[in-house]
Amino acid sequence: MSFSGTRDNCKACEKTVHFIDVLMVDGVSYHKTCFKCSHCRGTLSASLLHRPFWD
């Protein structure tokens, strides 16, 4: 039995996102490396999404 990943495509690159590499943001799938800041293009981590803006 093999696991081929999800059937979702990454919102940023449109390629298939595998379970081990998926980052879900507001119900949208991204590769962890594709989820980037739209201003500086730096990679974002999921932990940044949970920090209050005043930290």
N, C-alpha and C. Protein backbone atom coordinates (compact mmCIF):
# COMPACT_ATOMS: atom_id res chain seq x y z
N MET A 1 0.85 -1.18 0.00
CA MET A 1 0.00 0.00 0.00
C MET A 1 0.89 1.24 0.00
N SER A 2 0.67 2.13 -0.91
CA SER A 2 1.47 3.35 -0.96
C SER A 2 0.58 4.56 -0.70
N PHE A 3 1.20 5.57 -0.16
CA PHE A 3 0.49 6.81 0.12
C PHE A 3 0.96 7.86 -0.86
N SER A 4 0.05 8.41 -1.62
CA SER A 4 0.44 9.38 -2.65
C SER A 4 0.25 10.82 -2.23
N GLY A 5 -0.27 11.06 -1.03
CA GLY A 5 -0.46 12.43 -0.57
C GLY A 5 -1.88 12.89 -0.73
N THR A 6 -2.08 14.16 -0.63
CA THR A 6 -3.41 14.71 -0.76
C THR A 6 -3.76 14.89 -2.23
N ARG A 7 -4.98 15.23 -2.48
CA ARG A 7 -5.40 15.56 -3.83
C ARG A 7 -5.43 17.07 -4.02
N ASP A 8 -4.98 17.78 -3.02
CA ASP A 8 -4.97 19.24 -3.08
C ASP A 8 -3.75 19.74 -3.82
N ASN A 9 -3.91 20.88 -4.46
CA ASN A 9 -2.79 21.55 -5.09
C ASN A 9 -2.41 22.77 -4.27
N CYS A 10 -1.13 23.07 -4.27
CA CYS A 10 -0.61 24.25 -3.58
C CYS A 10 -1.16 25.50 -4.27
N LYS A 11 -1.67 26.42 -3.49
CA LYS A 11 -2.22 27.67 -4.02
C LYS A 11 -1.14 28.49 -4.73
N ALA A 12 0.10 28.39 -4.26
CA ALA A 12 1.19 29.20 -4.83
C ALA A 12 1.78 28.62 -6.11
N CYS A 13 2.05 27.32 -6.12
CA CYS A 13 2.75 26.73 -7.27
C CYS A 13 1.88 25.80 -8.11
N GLU A 14 0.66 25.49 -7.63
CA GLU A 14 -0.30 24.64 -8.34
C GLU A 14 0.11 23.16 -8.42
N LYS A 15 1.19 22.74 -7.75
CA LYS A 15 1.60 21.33 -7.76
C LYS A 15 0.92 20.60 -6.60
N THR A 16 0.87 19.27 -6.69
CA THR A 16 0.26 18.45 -5.65
C THR A 16 1.01 18.63 -4.34
N VAL A 17 0.24 18.79 -3.26
CA VAL A 17 0.82 18.92 -1.92
C VAL A 17 0.70 17.58 -1.22
N HIS A 18 1.82 17.02 -0.81
CA HIS A 18 1.84 15.75 -0.08
C HIS A 18 1.62 16.00 1.40
N PHE A 19 1.04 15.03 2.07
CA PHE A 19 0.66 15.14 3.47
C PHE A 19 1.80 15.66 4.36
N ILE A 20 2.99 15.19 4.14
CA ILE A 20 4.14 15.56 4.98
C ILE A 20 4.54 17.03 4.79
N ASP A 21 4.16 17.64 3.69
CA ASP A 21 4.61 18.99 3.35
C ASP A 21 3.49 20.02 3.31
N VAL A 22 2.29 19.66 3.77
CA VAL A 22 1.16 20.57 3.64
C VAL A 22 1.09 21.57 4.80
N LEU A 23 0.74 22.79 4.46
CA LEU A 23 0.45 23.83 5.44
C LEU A 23 -0.91 24.39 5.05
N MET A 24 -1.89 24.21 5.92
CA MET A 24 -3.25 24.68 5.65
C MET A 24 -3.45 26.05 6.28
N VAL A 25 -3.85 27.03 5.47
CA VAL A 25 -4.12 28.38 5.95
C VAL A 25 -5.51 28.77 5.46
N ASP A 26 -6.40 28.98 6.40
CA ASP A 26 -7.80 29.31 6.08
C ASP A 26 -8.41 28.33 5.08
N GLY A 27 -8.08 27.05 5.25
CA GLY A 27 -8.64 26.02 4.38
C GLY A 27 -7.97 25.88 3.03
N VAL A 28 -6.88 26.59 2.82
CA VAL A 28 -6.15 26.55 1.55
C VAL A 28 -4.82 25.84 1.77
N SER A 29 -4.46 24.93 0.86
CA SER A 29 -3.23 24.16 0.97
C SER A 29 -2.06 24.87 0.33
N TYR A 30 -0.92 24.82 1.01
CA TYR A 30 0.36 25.34 0.51
C TYR A 30 1.45 24.34 0.85
N HIS A 31 2.50 24.29 0.04
CA HIS A 31 3.73 23.63 0.47
C HIS A 31 4.32 24.53 1.55
N LYS A 32 4.99 23.95 2.52
CA LYS A 32 5.61 24.75 3.58
C LYS A 32 6.60 25.76 2.99
N THR A 33 7.29 25.38 1.94
CA THR A 33 8.28 26.28 1.33
C THR A 33 7.66 27.31 0.39
N CYS A 34 6.42 27.11 0.01
CA CYS A 34 5.74 28.05 -0.89
C CYS A 34 4.99 29.15 -0.15
N PHE A 35 4.76 28.96 1.14
CA PHE A 35 4.01 29.95 1.91
C PHE A 35 4.97 31.07 2.29
N LYS A 36 4.91 32.17 1.54
CA LYS A 36 5.88 33.26 1.69
C LYS A 36 5.21 34.61 1.87
N CYS A 37 5.95 35.52 2.43
CA CYS A 37 5.51 36.91 2.59
C CYS A 37 5.36 37.53 1.20
N SER A 38 4.24 38.18 0.97
CA SER A 38 4.03 38.80 -0.34
C SER A 38 4.87 40.06 -0.52
N HIS A 39 5.41 40.59 0.56
CA HIS A 39 6.22 41.81 0.48
C HIS A 39 7.70 41.48 0.24
N CYS A 40 8.29 40.64 1.11
CA CYS A 40 9.73 40.36 1.01
C CYS A 40 10.05 38.99 0.43
N ARG A 41 9.04 38.15 0.21
CA ARG A 41 9.17 36.78 -0.32
C ARG A 41 9.89 35.84 0.64
N GLY A 42 10.03 36.23 1.91
CA GLY A 42 10.63 35.35 2.92
C GLY A 42 9.65 34.25 3.30
N THR A 43 10.18 33.06 3.58
CA THR A 43 9.34 31.93 3.98
C THR A 43 8.77 32.19 5.37
N LEU A 44 7.48 31.91 5.52
CA LEU A 44 6.80 32.09 6.79
C LEU A 44 6.58 30.74 7.45
N SER A 45 6.56 30.73 8.77
CA SER A 45 6.26 29.49 9.48
C SER A 45 4.85 29.58 10.06
N ALA A 46 4.27 28.45 10.33
CA ALA A 46 2.92 28.42 10.88
C ALA A 46 2.86 29.10 12.24
N SER A 47 3.95 29.06 13.00
CA SER A 47 3.95 29.67 14.33
C SER A 47 3.78 31.18 14.25
N LEU A 48 4.18 31.80 13.16
CA LEU A 48 4.01 33.24 13.00
C LEU A 48 2.54 33.62 12.85
N LEU A 49 1.74 32.70 12.37
CA LEU A 49 0.33 32.99 12.16
C LEU A 49 -0.44 33.10 13.47
N HIS A 50 0.11 32.56 14.54
CA HIS A 50 -0.59 32.54 15.81
C HIS A 50 -0.12 33.61 16.78
N ARG A 51 0.87 34.38 16.42
CA ARG A 51 1.37 35.43 17.30
C ARG A 51 0.50 36.67 17.19
N PRO A 52 0.19 37.27 18.32
CA PRO A 52 -0.52 38.56 18.26
C PRO A 52 0.34 39.60 17.55
N PHE A 53 -0.29 40.52 16.86
CA PHE A 53 0.47 41.49 16.07
C PHE A 53 1.31 42.43 16.91
N TRP A 54 1.05 42.53 18.20
CA TRP A 54 1.80 43.45 19.05
C TRP A 54 3.04 42.82 19.65
N ASP A 55 3.31 41.54 19.43
CA ASP A 55 4.53 40.91 19.96
C ASP A 55 5.75 41.39 19.22
